[in-house]
Amino acid sequence: MIDISSATLDVIEAIKTKQVIKFDYGHDVIREITPTGFFGDRVGFEGIDESTDDREFRRFRFDKVNEWVGVKDIRHELECALRLSRDITKEAKYLCYPIGEITTKLSSLADRHGLLEEMNEL
């Protein structure tokens, strides 16, 4: 069971800032939803499912959520990506010709975080 009060605050914050929230709704798949409001006296929330092709409008009950991740924290994700990029470049010490392999790994990491264009400028 998730902490519904904390999840409610996350939904409110996501609505105000137009951010995505993440949670597992019982199928071991982390859903990404842009919430638009609540329904049923805050029994659940509703919003746009970003993972569907046509960005479907859906409703989700709090009592059906298995795991709550919350508001997507871009700063935290970028800090994790920075740590991972440092680990990737440390591998250069142990490779005979590291340039191609390291560039591929860093490009993949930059692409996942929407920074591929910035990396290509370097």
C-alpha atoms as a PDB file:
ATOM      1  CA  MET A   1       0.000   0.000   0.000  1.00  0.00           C
ATOM      2  CA  ILE A   2       1.332   3.426  -0.914  1.00  0.00           C
ATOM      3  CA  ASP A   3       1.208   6.600   1.176  1.00  0.00           C
ATOM      4  CA  ILE A   4      -1.877   8.209  -0.386  1.00  0.00           C
ATOM      5  CA  SER A   5      -1.282  11.626   1.201  1.00  0.00           C
ATOM      6  CA  SER A   6       2.219  11.812  -0.274  1.00  0.00           C
ATOM      7  CA  ALA A   7       0.952  10.586  -3.643  1.00  0.00           C
ATOM      8  CA  THR A   8      -1.823  13.215  -3.570  1.00  0.00           C
ATOM      9  CA  LEU A   9       0.746  15.951  -2.957  1.00  0.00           C
ATOM     10  CA  ASP A  10       2.852  14.627  -5.840  1.00  0.00           C
ATOM     11  CA  VAL A  11      -0.169  14.740  -8.160  1.00  0.00           C
ATOM     12  CA  ILE A  12      -0.952  18.312  -7.085  1.00  0.00           C
ATOM     13  CA  GLU A  13       2.670  19.352  -7.681  1.00  0.00           C
ATOM     14  CA  ALA A  14       2.707  17.628 -11.080  1.00  0.00           C
ATOM     15  CA  ILE A  15      -0.517  19.388 -12.110  1.00  0.00           C
ATOM     16  CA  LYS A  16       0.842  22.791 -11.053  1.00  0.00           C
ATOM     17  CA  THR A  17       4.187  22.336 -12.801  1.00  0.00           C
ATOM     18  CA  LYS A  18       2.921  20.216 -15.721  1.00  0.00           C
ATOM     19  CA  GLN A  19       5.317  17.391 -14.843  1.00  0.00           C
ATOM     20  CA  VAL A  20       5.039  13.644 -15.273  1.00  0.00           C
ATOM     21  CA  ILE A  21       4.459  11.275 -12.360  1.00  0.00           C
ATOM     22  CA  LYS A  22       5.635   7.673 -12.311  1.00  0.00           C
ATOM     23  CA  PHE A  23       4.076   4.639 -10.651  1.00  0.00           C
ATOM     24  CA  ASP A  24       3.463   0.900 -11.067  1.00  0.00           C
ATOM     25  CA  TYR A  25      -0.210   0.059 -11.479  1.00  0.00           C
ATOM     26  CA  GLY A  26       0.119  -3.677 -10.924  1.00  0.00           C
ATOM     27  CA  HIS A  27       1.710  -4.956 -14.111  1.00  0.00           C
ATOM     28  CA  ASP A  28       5.393  -4.389 -13.242  1.00  0.00           C
ATOM     29  CA  VAL A  29       5.463  -1.550 -15.758  1.00  0.00           C
ATOM     30  CA  ILE A  30       6.291   1.954 -14.596  1.00  0.00           C
ATOM     31  CA  ARG A  31       3.645   4.257 -16.049  1.00  0.00           C
ATOM     32  CA  GLU A  32       4.316   7.901 -16.866  1.00  0.00           C
ATOM     33  CA  ILE A  33       1.229  10.078 -16.538  1.00  0.00           C
ATOM     34  CA  THR A  34       0.722  13.817 -16.913  1.00  0.00           C
ATOM     35  CA  PRO A  35      -2.068  14.331 -14.357  1.00  0.00           C
ATOM     36  CA  THR A  36      -4.936  16.735 -15.014  1.00  0.00           C
ATOM     37  CA  GLY A  37      -7.031  16.330 -11.855  1.00  0.00           C
ATOM     38  CA  PHE A  38      -8.678  14.055  -9.324  1.00  0.00           C
ATOM     39  CA  PHE A  39     -11.922  12.102  -9.355  1.00  0.00           C
ATOM     40  CA  GLY A  40     -14.268  10.618  -6.766  1.00  0.00           C
ATOM     41  CA  ASP A  41     -13.372  12.871  -3.828  1.00  0.00           C
ATOM     42  CA  ARG A  42      -9.663  12.114  -4.361  1.00  0.00           C
ATOM     43  CA  VAL A  43     -10.152   8.356  -4.709  1.00  0.00           C
ATOM     44  CA  GLY A  44      -7.799   8.591  -7.657  1.00  0.00           C
ATOM     45  CA  PHE A  45      -6.380  10.874 -10.294  1.00  0.00           C
ATOM     46  CA  GLU A  46      -6.756  11.245 -14.029  1.00  0.00           C
ATOM     47  CA  GLY A  47      -4.467  12.317 -16.800  1.00  0.00           C
ATOM     48  CA  ILE A  48      -2.695  11.626 -20.062  1.00  0.00           C
ATOM     49  CA  ASP A  49      -0.817   8.329 -20.355  1.00  0.00           C
ATOM     50  CA  GLU A  50       2.451   9.397 -22.006  1.00  0.00           C
ATOM     51  CA  SER A  51       3.453   5.819 -22.832  1.00  0.00           C
ATOM     52  CA  THR A  52       0.561   5.178 -25.225  1.00  0.00           C
ATOM     53  CA  ASP A  53       0.858   6.087 -28.900  1.00  0.00           C
ATOM     54  CA  ASP A  54      -2.213   8.304 -28.928  1.00  0.00           C
ATOM     55  CA  ARG A  55      -1.640   9.685 -25.397  1.00  0.00           C
ATOM     56  CA  GLU A  56      -4.846   8.240 -23.932  1.00  0.00           C
ATOM     57  CA  PHE A  57      -6.786   9.923 -21.135  1.00  0.00           C
ATOM     58  CA  ARG A  58      -7.084   7.491 -18.203  1.00  0.00           C
ATOM     59  CA  ARG A  59      -8.114   7.304 -14.562  1.00  0.00           C
ATOM     60  CA  PHE A  60      -6.122   5.590 -11.830  1.00  0.00           C
ATOM     61  CA  ARG A  61      -7.267   4.671  -8.316  1.00  0.00           C
ATOM     62  CA  PHE A  62      -4.730   5.195  -5.534  1.00  0.00           C
ATOM     63  CA  ASP A  63      -5.675   1.879  -3.885  1.00  0.00           C
ATOM     64  CA  LYS A  64      -4.667  -0.022  -7.064  1.00  0.00           C
ATOM     65  CA  VAL A  65      -1.166   1.468  -7.268  1.00  0.00           C
ATOM     66  CA  ASN A  66       1.533  -1.051  -6.256  1.00  0.00           C
ATOM     67  CA  GLU A  67       4.573   1.223  -6.226  1.00  0.00           C
ATOM     68  CA  TRP A  68       4.730   5.026  -6.228  1.00  0.00           C
ATOM     69  CA  VAL A  69       7.762   6.737  -7.758  1.00  0.00           C
ATOM     70  CA  GLY A  70       6.266  10.231  -7.885  1.00  0.00           C
ATOM     71  CA  VAL A  71       7.225  13.364  -9.742  1.00  0.00           C
ATOM     72  CA  LYS A  72       9.971  12.824 -12.263  1.00  0.00           C
ATOM     73  CA  ASP A  73      13.017  14.609 -10.876  1.00  0.00           C
ATOM     74  CA  ILE A  74      15.073  15.699 -13.875  1.00  0.00           C
ATOM     75  CA  ARG A  75      17.933  16.996 -11.733  1.00  0.00           C
ATOM     76  CA  HIS A  76      18.307  13.618 -10.013  1.00  0.00           C
ATOM     77  CA  GLU A  77      18.244  11.809 -13.364  1.00  0.00           C
ATOM     78  CA  LEU A  78      20.958  14.082 -14.761  1.00  0.00           C
ATOM     79  CA  GLU A  79      23.120  13.612 -11.655  1.00  0.00           C
ATOM     80  CA  CYS A  80      22.824   9.837 -12.120  1.00  0.00           C
ATOM     81  CA  ALA A  81      23.707  10.237 -15.796  1.00  0.00           C
ATOM     82  CA  LEU A  82      26.768  12.309 -14.855  1.00  0.00           C
ATOM     83  CA  ARG A  83      27.949   9.585 -12.463  1.00  0.00           C
ATOM     84  CA  LEU A  84      27.402   6.965 -15.149  1.00  0.00           C
ATOM     85  CA  SER A  85      29.315   9.026 -17.730  1.00  0.00           C
ATOM     86  CA  ARG A  86      32.259   9.285 -15.324  1.00  0.00           C
ATOM     87  CA  ASP A  87      32.213   5.506 -14.875  1.00  0.00           C
ATOM     88  CA  ILE A  88      32.186   5.063 -18.653  1.00  0.00           C
ATOM     89  CA  THR A  89      35.174   7.371 -19.166  1.00  0.00           C
ATOM     90  CA  LYS A  90      37.117   5.613 -16.377  1.00  0.00           C
ATOM     91  CA  GLU A  91      36.989   2.500 -18.548  1.00  0.00           C
ATOM     92  CA  ALA A  92      39.363   4.252 -20.977  1.00  0.00           C
ATOM     93  CA  LYS A  93      42.296   3.359 -18.735  1.00  0.00           C
ATOM     94  CA  TYR A  94      41.767  -0.333 -19.405  1.00  0.00           C
ATOM     95  CA  LEU A  95      41.032  -0.326 -23.140  1.00  0.00           C
ATOM     96  CA  CYS A  96      43.624  -0.462 -25.905  1.00  0.00           C
ATOM     97  CA  TYR A  97      41.599   1.699 -28.314  1.00  0.00           C
ATOM     98  CA  PRO A  98      38.770   3.159 -26.232  1.00  0.00           C
ATOM     99  CA  ILE A  99      37.535   6.043 -28.364  1.00  0.00           C
ATOM    100  CA  GLY A 100      34.837   4.235 -30.397  1.00  0.00           C
ATOM    101  CA  GLU A 101      33.404   2.187 -27.551  1.00  0.00           C
ATOM    102  CA  ILE A 102      33.347   5.099 -25.074  1.00  0.00           C
ATOM    103  CA  THR A 103      31.827   7.454 -27.638  1.00  0.00           C
ATOM    104  CA  THR A 104      29.080   4.918 -28.340  1.00  0.00           C
ATOM    105  CA  LYS A 105      28.285   4.505 -24.627  1.00  0.00           C
ATOM    106  CA  LEU A 106      28.277   8.261 -23.994  1.00  0.00           C
ATOM    107  CA  SER A 107      26.127   8.905 -27.073  1.00  0.00           C
ATOM    108  CA  SER A 108      23.611   6.330 -25.889  1.00  0.00           C
ATOM    109  CA  LEU A 109      23.506   7.922 -22.431  1.00  0.00           C
ATOM    110  CA  ALA A 110      23.090  11.414 -23.901  1.00  0.00           C
ATOM    111  CA  ASP A 111      20.302  10.201 -26.179  1.00  0.00           C
ATOM    112  CA  ARG A 112      18.380   8.703 -23.217  1.00  0.00           C
ATOM    113  CA  HIS A 113      18.460  12.065 -21.451  1.00  0.00           C
ATOM    114  CA  GLY A 114      17.780  14.257 -24.476  1.00  0.00           C
ATOM    115  CA  LEU A 115      21.309  15.674 -24.609  1.00  0.00           C
ATOM    116  CA  LEU A 116      22.573  14.161 -27.851  1.00  0.00           C
ATOM    117  CA  GLU A 117      22.645  17.501 -29.653  1.00  0.00           C
ATOM    118  CA  GLU A 118      24.715  19.069 -26.861  1.00  0.00           C
ATOM    119  CA  MET A 119      27.147  16.149 -26.924  1.00  0.00           C
ATOM    120  CA  ASN A 120      27.621  16.457 -30.672  1.00  0.00           C
ATOM    121  CA  GLU A 121      28.634  20.109 -30.204  1.00  0.00           C
ATOM    122  CA  LEU A 122      31.623  19.097 -28.044  1.00  0.00           C
END
